[in-house]
Amino acid sequence: MSSILIKDTTREERERIVAESIGNVNGSCDGCSAGLIEMYQPYIDGVKEIREINMEFRAHYESGIDGPEKADCGYKM
């Protein structure tokens, strides 16, 4: 397969592309694989390209870190 675009693939091929990309879904111990498959469901359904889904994910990603903390200079008045 040379293209993973929706127009060039069948639903079954897209399901296989997602499954192969994520890895061993059944052997995952942390339970996150199901969420990844759910994230790519619009691609499997032929609604959004993988590129669109990845761009949306990156745009909404939060690291959980609010930002750099100020260090105290040690000077007290």
C-alpha atoms as a PDB file:
ATOM      1  CA  MET A   1       0.000   0.000   0.000  1.00  0.00           C
ATOM      2  CA  SER A   2       1.528   3.292  -1.049  1.00  0.00           C
ATOM      3  CA  SER A   3      -1.045   5.696   0.375  1.00  0.00           C
ATOM      4  CA  ILE A   4      -2.929   5.848   3.653  1.00  0.00           C
ATOM      5  CA  LEU A   5      -5.349   8.531   2.486  1.00  0.00           C
ATOM      6  CA  ILE A   6      -9.047   7.796   2.925  1.00  0.00           C
ATOM      7  CA  LYS A   7      -9.671   8.001  -0.813  1.00  0.00           C
ATOM      8  CA  ASP A   8      -7.032   5.324  -1.440  1.00  0.00           C
ATOM      9  CA  THR A   9      -8.042   2.834   1.282  1.00  0.00           C
ATOM     10  CA  THR A  10     -10.973   0.715   2.343  1.00  0.00           C
ATOM     11  CA  ARG A  11     -12.371   0.705   5.860  1.00  0.00           C
ATOM     12  CA  GLU A  12     -10.709  -2.651   6.532  1.00  0.00           C
ATOM     13  CA  GLU A  13      -7.350  -1.297   5.389  1.00  0.00           C
ATOM     14  CA  ARG A  14      -7.735   1.752   7.637  1.00  0.00           C
ATOM     15  CA  GLU A  15      -8.570  -0.489  10.606  1.00  0.00           C
ATOM     16  CA  ARG A  16      -5.407  -2.486   9.909  1.00  0.00           C
ATOM     17  CA  ILE A  17      -3.303   0.687   9.505  1.00  0.00           C
ATOM     18  CA  VAL A  18      -4.437   1.966  12.902  1.00  0.00           C
ATOM     19  CA  ALA A  19      -4.014  -1.394  14.622  1.00  0.00           C
ATOM     20  CA  GLU A  20      -0.505  -1.890  13.199  1.00  0.00           C
ATOM     21  CA  SER A  21       0.503   1.662  14.074  1.00  0.00           C
ATOM     22  CA  ILE A  22      -0.611   1.420  17.700  1.00  0.00           C
ATOM     23  CA  GLY A  23       0.879  -2.010  18.279  1.00  0.00           C
ATOM     24  CA  ASN A  24      -0.345  -4.880  20.400  1.00  0.00           C
ATOM     25  CA  VAL A  25      -3.673  -3.528  21.614  1.00  0.00           C
ATOM     26  CA  ASN A  26      -4.678  -6.684  23.481  1.00  0.00           C
ATOM     27  CA  GLY A  27      -1.353  -6.977  25.299  1.00  0.00           C
ATOM     28  CA  SER A  28      -1.345  -3.453  26.633  1.00  0.00           C
ATOM     29  CA  CYS A  29      -1.260  -3.278  30.391  1.00  0.00           C
ATOM     30  CA  ASP A  30      -1.948   0.419  30.932  1.00  0.00           C
ATOM     31  CA  GLY A  31      -5.307   0.581  29.172  1.00  0.00           C
ATOM     32  CA  CYS A  32      -4.437   3.554  26.958  1.00  0.00           C
ATOM     33  CA  SER A  33      -4.647   1.649  23.670  1.00  0.00           C
ATOM     34  CA  ALA A  34      -8.427   1.710  23.668  1.00  0.00           C
ATOM     35  CA  GLY A  35      -8.317   5.498  23.897  1.00  0.00           C
ATOM     36  CA  LEU A  36      -5.891   5.687  21.000  1.00  0.00           C
ATOM     37  CA  ILE A  37      -8.102   3.546  18.825  1.00  0.00           C
ATOM     38  CA  GLU A  38     -11.077   5.709  19.764  1.00  0.00           C
ATOM     39  CA  MET A  39      -9.060   8.805  18.822  1.00  0.00           C
ATOM     40  CA  TYR A  40      -8.488   7.386  15.327  1.00  0.00           C
ATOM     41  CA  GLN A  41     -12.085   6.209  14.817  1.00  0.00           C
ATOM     42  CA  PRO A  42     -12.907   9.191  12.532  1.00  0.00           C
ATOM     43  CA  TYR A  43     -10.096   8.015  10.221  1.00  0.00           C
ATOM     44  CA  ILE A  44     -11.374   4.443  10.244  1.00  0.00           C
ATOM     45  CA  ASP A  45     -14.880   5.762   9.483  1.00  0.00           C
ATOM     46  CA  GLY A  46     -13.548   7.848   6.590  1.00  0.00           C
ATOM     47  CA  VAL A  47     -14.368  11.199   8.179  1.00  0.00           C
ATOM     48  CA  LYS A  48     -10.897  12.661   8.908  1.00  0.00           C
ATOM     49  CA  GLU A  49      -7.405  11.941   7.634  1.00  0.00           C
ATOM     50  CA  ILE A  50      -4.755  10.762  10.106  1.00  0.00           C
ATOM     51  CA  ARG A  51      -2.897  14.034   9.567  1.00  0.00           C
ATOM     52  CA  GLU A  52      -5.936  16.052  10.725  1.00  0.00           C
ATOM     53  CA  ILE A  53      -6.382  13.923  13.850  1.00  0.00           C
ATOM     54  CA  ASN A  54      -2.701  14.210  14.768  1.00  0.00           C
ATOM     55  CA  MET A  55      -2.734  17.986  14.259  1.00  0.00           C
ATOM     56  CA  GLU A  56      -5.808  18.361  16.481  1.00  0.00           C
ATOM     57  CA  PHE A  57      -4.205  16.228  19.181  1.00  0.00           C
ATOM     58  CA  ARG A  58      -1.024  18.294  19.198  1.00  0.00           C
ATOM     59  CA  ALA A  59      -3.008  21.538  19.269  1.00  0.00           C
ATOM     60  CA  HIS A  60      -4.873  20.458  22.428  1.00  0.00           C
ATOM     61  CA  TYR A  61      -2.047  18.659  24.210  1.00  0.00           C
ATOM     62  CA  GLU A  62      -1.369  19.803  27.766  1.00  0.00           C
ATOM     63  CA  SER A  63       1.686  18.624  29.628  1.00  0.00           C
ATOM     64  CA  GLY A  64       0.251  19.131  33.099  1.00  0.00           C
ATOM     65  CA  ILE A  65       2.977  21.637  33.905  1.00  0.00           C
ATOM     66  CA  ASP A  66       1.646  25.147  34.440  1.00  0.00           C
ATOM     67  CA  GLY A  67       4.889  26.814  33.502  1.00  0.00           C
ATOM     68  CA  PRO A  68       8.233  27.722  34.964  1.00  0.00           C
ATOM     69  CA  GLU A  69       8.259  28.545  38.639  1.00  0.00           C
ATOM     70  CA  LYS A  70      10.065  31.647  39.802  1.00  0.00           C
ATOM     71  CA  ALA A  71      13.023  31.013  41.976  1.00  0.00           C
ATOM     72  CA  ASP A  72      13.393  33.090  45.098  1.00  0.00           C
ATOM     73  CA  CYS A  73      16.414  35.335  44.906  1.00  0.00           C
ATOM     74  CA  GLY A  74      16.977  34.983  48.642  1.00  0.00           C
ATOM     75  CA  TYR A  75      16.908  38.723  49.303  1.00  0.00           C
ATOM     76  CA  LYS A  76      14.596  39.612  52.188  1.00  0.00           C
ATOM     77  CA  MET A  77      13.582  43.113  53.166  1.00  0.00           C
END
